[in-house]
Amino acid sequence: MRDILPRLDDEFAFQTSGRFDLLADEHVAYVTLGAPDVDGELRRSIDRGEGVITVVGRMGSGKSSLIAAVANSLDEGFLPLRVSVIGVEAGDPAAFARHAIAETRDIPDAQLTRHESQALDRATADRRTQTTTRELRAGFEIAAGNVLTAKVVGDVKRAAGEELERATDPSLVLRGMQRLLNVFWDIKRCPVMLVEDTDHWGGSPEVADAFFDQTARAFAAMDAVMVVATQSDYTRLDGYQRVRDRLTAEISLPQLPDVERGLDTVLTRRMRSAGIHAPLQDVLDQQGLQLLSQSYIESTDDGHAGDLRRTLAVMRAALDIALSEPTASPSPSRPLRS
């Protein structure tokens, strides 16, 4: 066990990923942590095939990893489309729609087809043969089977490009957005827009306020699903309060009911992802785990999830300190202390 600490450091075991496409692999289902099944709640809400869903939590609580994991688990009838809001006039529905159309036009072909390929792998052959189509809102249907061929992907991206050229008048952009969404419905795929990077609105609450009051309201009426990562503070904005009764679902991330057990599960999962199959106790003693748990608890609020990102940063800091000690050699008799 003497080489565990350097290996954990080399593999960035406790580093949170900045890449959305890697977050699903880092996520641990809440029900596994003894918390309410918010993963299932989000999946069931998306399964309705309509409206705006907010995933609510403080910064660093794991909103993005939950959204990524659930999006990665959807069946082949749903097509996740990630839309970042960095540098976007998100409070202007037309500007946001143009950005979303551009994101679809510029999305790599492999990313469109990867979502469906993964979904097809998850769906059993029995399910695909028994459930050929399923009706959702407004008479739309989703279907099983691989339809995103190179030609179809090209058609989708071409349609997005045409809508961008056509929608020079802001009043026409939202209609163009719906026409593009209809392209997905025509191939029996429900588009699921994942609105990410909204923590960047933290210093500009007026942008978040306008997004929920105007943009989310406009998209709630469209034939698509929109999942929005939402900071807890945003829910107190007037714009959010005005659109709240139109949301398909509002899903708040819960605090870990048994913090020590939950963090043990999360950290052990990260160690295993780094190729280290050892109990957490080999690198972190009970006192260290208690201190780490206290760090998490201090960031919780009224039963809602705490700052897991900061907790992992504390774990990394402890690892750095241990590695800087000339005699550092992790073992059951000399474990890492937080």
Protein backbone atom coordinates (compact mmCIF):
# COMPACT_ATOMS: atom_id res chain seq x y z
CA MET A 1 0.00 0.00 0.00
CA ARG A 2 3.08 2.28 0.13
CA ASP A 3 2.45 3.64 -3.36
CA ILE A 4 -1.23 4.56 -2.96
CA LEU A 5 -0.81 8.31 -2.34
CA PRO A 6 1.38 9.01 -5.40
CA ARG A 7 -0.99 6.94 -7.53
CA LEU A 8 -4.00 8.88 -6.27
CA ASP A 9 -2.19 12.09 -7.11
CA ASP A 10 -1.05 10.90 -10.54
CA GLU A 11 -4.57 9.78 -11.48
CA PHE A 12 -6.24 13.00 -10.19
CA ALA A 13 -8.55 10.76 -8.17
CA PHE A 14 -10.09 13.58 -6.15
CA GLN A 15 -10.11 16.21 -8.90
CA THR A 16 -13.54 17.31 -10.13
CA SER A 17 -13.77 17.22 -13.90
CA GLY A 18 -14.40 20.37 -15.91
CA ARG A 19 -15.67 18.33 -18.85
CA PHE A 20 -19.38 17.62 -18.93
CA ASP A 21 -18.92 14.42 -20.95
CA LEU A 22 -16.79 12.92 -18.15
CA LEU A 23 -19.11 13.78 -15.27
CA ALA A 24 -21.42 10.78 -15.74
CA ASP A 25 -18.59 8.39 -14.88
CA GLU A 26 -17.86 10.29 -11.65
CA HIS A 27 -21.47 10.37 -10.45
CA VAL A 28 -22.75 8.16 -7.64
CA ALA A 29 -26.54 7.69 -7.63
CA TYR A 30 -28.13 9.42 -4.66
CA VAL A 31 -30.08 6.33 -3.66
CA THR A 32 -26.73 4.52 -3.31
CA LEU A 33 -25.73 7.21 -0.82
CA GLY A 34 -28.89 6.62 1.22
CA ALA A 35 -30.56 9.79 -0.07
CA PRO A 36 -33.87 10.16 -1.95
CA ASP A 37 -33.78 8.89 -5.53
CA VAL A 38 -33.39 12.23 -7.31
CA ASP A 39 -31.75 10.40 -10.23
CA GLY A 40 -34.99 8.50 -10.81
CA GLU A 41 -37.07 11.63 -10.27
CA LEU A 42 -35.13 13.51 -12.95
CA ARG A 43 -35.33 10.58 -15.35
CA ARG A 44 -39.10 10.26 -14.88
CA SER A 45 -39.56 14.00 -15.39
CA ILE A 46 -37.61 13.91 -18.67
CA ASP A 47 -39.61 10.86 -19.69
CA ARG A 48 -42.72 13.05 -19.88
CA GLY A 49 -41.16 14.65 -22.95
CA GLU A 50 -42.16 18.23 -22.23
CA GLY A 51 -41.42 21.46 -20.45
CA VAL A 52 -38.69 22.94 -18.28
CA ILE A 53 -37.09 21.02 -15.40
CA THR A 54 -34.81 22.71 -12.88
CA VAL A 55 -32.15 20.85 -10.91
CA VAL A 56 -31.53 22.99 -7.84
CA GLY A 57 -28.48 23.07 -5.60
CA ARG A 58 -25.71 25.30 -4.32
CA MET A 59 -22.53 25.77 -6.33
CA GLY A 60 -20.42 22.62 -6.24
CA SER A 61 -23.25 20.38 -5.00
CA GLY A 62 -23.27 18.08 -8.03
CA LYS A 63 -26.01 19.46 -10.30
CA SER A 64 -24.00 18.91 -13.47
CA SER A 65 -22.91 15.37 -12.59
CA LEU A 66 -26.52 14.37 -11.86
CA ILE A 67 -27.74 15.86 -15.15
CA ALA A 68 -24.89 14.21 -17.09
CA ALA A 69 -25.48 10.79 -15.50
CA VAL A 70 -29.24 10.83 -16.11
CA ALA A 71 -28.84 12.15 -19.65
CA ASN A 72 -26.38 9.35 -20.29
CA SER A 73 -28.92 6.78 -19.11
CA LEU A 74 -31.91 7.86 -21.22
CA ASP A 75 -33.28 5.38 -23.71
CA GLU A 76 -32.89 5.81 -27.46
CA GLY A 77 -36.06 7.89 -27.83
CA PHE A 78 -34.41 10.89 -26.17
CA LEU A 79 -31.52 12.91 -27.59
CA PRO A 80 -29.58 15.11 -25.11
CA LEU A 81 -28.27 18.38 -26.57
CA ARG A 82 -25.95 20.34 -24.27
CA VAL A 83 -26.25 24.13 -24.42
CA SER A 84 -23.68 26.19 -22.52
CA VAL A 85 -24.71 29.69 -21.44
CA ILE A 86 -21.22 31.15 -21.14
CA GLY A 87 -21.13 34.44 -23.05
CA VAL A 88 -24.79 34.18 -24.11
CA GLU A 89 -27.56 36.75 -23.62
CA ALA A 90 -29.53 34.05 -21.84
CA GLY A 91 -32.22 36.44 -20.65
CA ASP A 92 -33.23 37.24 -24.23
CA PRO A 93 -35.29 34.31 -25.61
CA ALA A 94 -34.39 35.12 -29.22
CA ALA A 95 -30.66 35.42 -28.49
CA PHE A 96 -30.71 32.18 -26.50
CA ALA A 97 -32.64 30.39 -29.25
CA ARG A 98 -30.14 31.53 -31.89
CA HIS A 99 -27.33 30.25 -29.67
CA ALA A 100 -29.09 26.90 -29.17
CA ILE A 101 -29.61 26.54 -32.91
CA ALA A 102 -25.94 27.36 -33.51
CA GLU A 103 -24.91 24.78 -30.90
CA THR A 104 -26.93 22.15 -32.76
CA ARG A 105 -25.46 23.17 -36.10
CA ASP A 106 -21.91 22.99 -34.76
CA ILE A 107 -22.22 19.89 -32.58
CA PRO A 108 -19.80 17.15 -33.68
CA ASP A 109 -21.44 14.36 -35.67
CA ALA A 110 -19.96 11.83 -33.30
CA GLN A 111 -21.61 13.46 -30.31
CA LEU A 112 -25.09 13.24 -31.84
CA THR A 113 -24.63 9.62 -32.81
CA ARG A 114 -22.85 8.71 -29.55
CA HIS A 115 -25.90 9.55 -27.45
CA GLU A 116 -28.06 7.24 -29.49
CA SER A 117 -25.46 4.49 -29.70
CA GLN A 118 -25.13 4.45 -25.92
CA ALA A 119 -28.89 4.46 -25.49
CA LEU A 120 -29.27 1.54 -27.88
CA ASP A 121 -26.66 -0.42 -25.96
CA ARG A 122 -28.63 0.12 -22.75
CA ALA A 123 -32.02 -0.82 -24.16
CA THR A 124 -32.60 -4.56 -24.33
CA ALA A 125 -33.53 -6.20 -27.61
CA ASP A 126 -36.75 -7.38 -26.00
CA ARG A 127 -37.73 -3.85 -25.09
CA ARG A 128 -36.90 -2.52 -28.54
CA THR A 129 -39.09 -5.07 -30.26
CA GLN A 130 -42.02 -4.69 -27.88
CA THR A 131 -41.96 -0.89 -27.73
CA THR A 132 -41.62 0.35 -31.28
CA THR A 133 -43.25 3.73 -30.67
CA ARG A 134 -44.50 5.65 -27.68
CA GLU A 135 -46.76 8.68 -27.76
CA LEU A 136 -45.82 11.78 -25.83
CA ARG A 137 -47.34 15.24 -25.71
CA ALA A 138 -49.30 16.77 -28.60
CA GLY A 139 -49.50 13.47 -30.43
CA PHE A 140 -45.75 13.19 -30.96
CA GLU A 141 -44.13 9.78 -30.80
CA ILE A 142 -40.70 8.47 -30.01
CA ALA A 143 -39.48 5.25 -31.53
CA ALA A 144 -36.86 2.61 -30.92
CA GLY A 145 -34.10 1.83 -33.32
CA ASN A 146 -31.05 3.57 -34.74
CA VAL A 147 -32.12 6.46 -36.97
CA LEU A 148 -29.25 8.94 -36.64
CA THR A 149 -27.42 7.88 -39.76
CA ALA A 150 -24.81 10.16 -41.28
CA LYS A 151 -27.43 11.50 -43.69
CA VAL A 152 -29.93 12.24 -40.94
CA VAL A 153 -27.30 13.97 -38.80
CA GLY A 154 -26.34 16.01 -41.85
CA ASP A 155 -29.99 16.93 -42.41
CA VAL A 156 -30.36 18.08 -38.79
CA LYS A 157 -27.25 20.24 -38.96
CA ARG A 158 -28.27 21.64 -42.34
CA ALA A 159 -31.71 22.52 -40.98
CA ALA A 160 -30.05 24.34 -38.08
CA GLY A 161 -27.89 26.31 -40.51
CA GLU A 162 -30.91 27.27 -42.60
CA GLU A 163 -32.79 28.48 -39.53
CA LEU A 164 -29.85 30.67 -38.53
CA GLU A 165 -29.80 32.27 -41.98
CA ARG A 166 -33.55 32.73 -42.01
CA ALA A 167 -33.97 34.13 -38.50
CA THR A 168 -32.48 37.59 -38.96
CA ASP A 169 -35.62 39.06 -37.39
CA PRO A 170 -35.72 38.27 -33.62
CA SER A 171 -39.47 37.72 -33.85
CA LEU A 172 -38.84 34.77 -36.17
CA VAL A 173 -36.11 33.08 -34.16
CA LEU A 174 -38.36 31.24 -31.71
CA ARG A 175 -40.45 29.88 -34.55
CA GLY A 176 -37.23 28.73 -36.17
CA MET A 177 -36.24 27.03 -32.92
CA GLN A 178 -39.51 25.09 -32.90
CA ARG A 179 -39.06 24.11 -36.54
CA LEU A 180 -35.63 22.72 -35.67
CA LEU A 181 -37.09 20.82 -32.72
CA ASN A 182 -39.68 19.38 -35.09
CA VAL A 183 -36.84 17.93 -37.18
CA PHE A 184 -35.98 15.72 -34.20
CA TRP A 185 -39.61 14.76 -33.66
CA ASP A 186 -39.86 13.85 -37.36
CA ILE A 187 -37.23 11.17 -36.78
CA LYS A 188 -39.09 10.19 -33.57
CA ARG A 189 -36.52 11.59 -31.17
CA CYS A 190 -37.41 13.83 -28.24
CA PRO A 191 -34.83 16.66 -27.96
CA VAL A 192 -33.57 17.24 -24.41
CA MET A 193 -31.77 20.56 -24.02
CA LEU A 194 -29.30 20.55 -21.13
CA VAL A 195 -28.69 24.15 -20.04
CA GLU A 196 -25.32 24.14 -18.33
CA ASP A 197 -22.70 26.47 -16.83
CA THR A 198 -25.38 28.60 -15.15
CA ASP A 199 -23.12 29.10 -12.12
CA HIS A 200 -21.58 31.85 -14.26
CA TRP A 201 -24.69 33.92 -13.56
CA GLY A 202 -23.76 34.06 -9.87
CA GLY A 203 -22.33 37.56 -10.25
CA SER A 204 -25.14 38.69 -12.55
CA PRO A 205 -28.43 37.80 -10.89
CA GLU A 206 -30.28 40.00 -13.37
CA VAL A 207 -29.28 37.57 -16.14
CA ALA A 208 -30.62 34.58 -14.20
CA ASP A 209 -33.78 36.53 -13.37
CA ALA A 210 -34.41 37.34 -17.03
CA PHE A 211 -33.61 33.80 -18.14
CA PHE A 212 -36.30 32.26 -15.96
CA ASP A 213 -38.80 35.06 -16.48
CA GLN A 214 -38.47 35.24 -20.25
CA THR A 215 -36.43 32.44 -21.84
CA ALA A 216 -37.57 29.53 -19.66
CA ARG A 217 -41.16 30.73 -20.00
CA ALA A 218 -40.86 30.76 -23.80
CA PHE A 219 -39.26 27.31 -23.97
CA ALA A 220 -41.81 25.83 -21.58
CA ALA A 221 -44.33 26.18 -24.40
CA MET A 222 -42.16 24.38 -26.96
CA ASP A 223 -42.25 20.70 -27.82
CA ALA A 224 -39.02 19.70 -26.13
CA VAL A 225 -37.49 19.10 -22.72
CA MET A 226 -35.22 21.69 -21.12
CA VAL A 227 -33.18 20.73 -18.05
CA VAL A 228 -31.60 23.72 -16.28
CA ALA A 229 -28.82 23.50 -13.68
CA THR A 230 -30.08 26.06 -11.15
CA GLN A 231 -28.26 27.61 -8.21
CA SER A 232 -30.29 27.66 -5.02
CA ASP A 233 -30.08 31.45 -4.87
CA TYR A 234 -31.78 31.73 -8.27
CA THR A 235 -34.99 30.22 -6.89
CA ARG A 236 -35.50 33.35 -4.79
CA LEU A 237 -35.46 35.65 -7.82
CA ASP A 238 -38.73 37.23 -8.93
CA GLY A 239 -38.34 35.79 -12.43
CA TYR A 240 -38.01 32.26 -11.08
CA GLN A 241 -41.00 32.72 -8.80
CA ARG A 242 -43.12 33.87 -11.75
CA VAL A 243 -42.30 30.80 -13.85
CA ARG A 244 -42.30 28.29 -11.01
CA ASP A 245 -45.86 27.09 -11.53
CA ARG A 246 -45.08 26.34 -15.18
CA LEU A 247 -42.14 24.06 -14.48
CA THR A 248 -42.53 20.38 -15.26
CA ALA A 249 -40.46 19.59 -12.18
CA GLU A 250 -38.21 21.26 -9.62
CA ILE A 251 -35.65 18.81 -8.24
CA SER A 252 -33.57 19.87 -5.26
CA LEU A 253 -30.39 18.00 -4.41
CA PRO A 254 -30.61 16.56 -0.88
CA GLN A 255 -28.03 16.52 1.88
CA LEU A 256 -26.36 13.18 2.47
CA PRO A 257 -28.31 11.57 5.35
CA ASP A 258 -25.21 9.80 6.67
CA VAL A 259 -22.38 12.09 5.66
CA GLU A 260 -19.47 9.86 6.69
CA ARG A 261 -20.94 6.84 4.91
CA GLY A 262 -21.79 8.91 1.84
CA LEU A 263 -18.34 10.47 1.55
CA ASP A 264 -16.75 7.06 2.07
CA THR A 265 -18.78 5.76 -0.90
CA VAL A 266 -17.92 8.76 -3.11
CA LEU A 267 -14.20 8.70 -2.33
CA THR A 268 -13.93 4.93 -2.68
CA ARG A 269 -15.64 5.16 -6.07
CA ARG A 270 -13.07 7.74 -7.17
CA MET A 271 -10.23 5.57 -5.95
CA ARG A 272 -11.53 2.62 -7.93
CA SER A 273 -11.93 4.79 -11.02
CA ALA A 274 -8.23 5.55 -10.60
CA GLY A 275 -7.51 1.82 -10.55
CA ILE A 276 -6.94 1.60 -6.80
CA HIS A 277 -9.05 -1.12 -5.23
CA ALA A 278 -8.46 -0.51 -1.56
CA PRO A 279 -10.69 0.61 1.31
CA LEU A 280 -10.73 4.31 2.09
CA GLN A 281 -9.40 3.50 5.57
CA ASP A 282 -6.05 2.67 3.98
CA VAL A 283 -5.56 6.36 3.09
CA LEU A 284 -7.87 8.26 5.45
CA ASP A 285 -8.34 7.45 9.12
CA GLN A 286 -11.59 7.89 11.04
CA GLN A 287 -10.60 11.28 12.44
CA GLY A 288 -9.77 12.50 8.96
CA LEU A 289 -13.13 11.29 7.65
CA GLN A 290 -14.90 13.07 10.49
CA LEU A 291 -13.11 16.33 9.68
CA LEU A 292 -13.94 15.94 6.00
CA SER A 293 -17.58 15.27 6.87
CA GLN A 294 -17.66 18.39 9.00
CA SER A 295 -16.41 20.40 6.04
CA TYR A 296 -19.34 19.10 3.99
CA ILE A 297 -21.91 19.68 6.75
CA GLU A 298 -20.79 23.30 7.16
CA SER A 299 -21.78 23.92 3.53
CA THR A 300 -25.27 22.39 3.75
CA ASP A 301 -28.41 24.47 4.17
CA ASP A 302 -31.76 23.32 5.53
CA GLY A 303 -31.37 19.71 4.43
CA HIS A 304 -30.10 20.55 0.96
CA ALA A 305 -26.86 19.24 -0.55
CA GLY A 306 -23.57 20.75 0.50
CA ASP A 307 -20.51 21.74 -1.51
CA LEU A 308 -19.04 18.40 -2.59
CA ARG A 309 -16.57 20.19 -4.85
CA ARG A 310 -15.09 22.02 -1.86
CA THR A 311 -15.03 18.78 0.15
CA LEU A 312 -13.01 17.13 -2.60
CA ALA A 313 -10.69 20.15 -2.61
CA VAL A 314 -10.08 19.60 1.11
CA MET A 315 -9.25 15.96 0.36
CA ARG A 316 -6.80 17.03 -2.34
CA ALA A 317 -5.16 19.50 0.03
CA ALA A 318 -4.71 16.75 2.61
CA LEU A 319 -3.20 14.54 -0.08
CA ASP A 320 -0.77 17.30 -1.09
CA ILE A 321 0.32 17.77 2.53
CA ALA A 322 0.88 14.04 2.97
CA LEU A 323 2.93 13.84 -0.22
CA SER A 324 5.09 16.77 0.87
CA GLU A 325 6.20 14.93 4.01
CA PRO A 326 9.52 13.19 3.35
CA THR A 327 8.48 10.12 5.31
CA ALA A 328 4.95 9.88 3.91
CA SER A 329 4.10 6.26 3.33
CA PRO A 330 0.40 5.37 3.54
CA SER A 331 -0.41 2.23 5.41
CA PRO A 332 -3.09 1.05 7.83
CA SER A 333 -0.79 2.11 10.68
CA ARG A 334 -0.13 5.57 9.22
CA PRO A 335 -3.13 6.72 7.24
CA LEU A 336 -3.65 10.11 5.65
CA ARG A 337 -5.20 12.64 7.99
CA SER A 338 -7.47 15.40 6.70
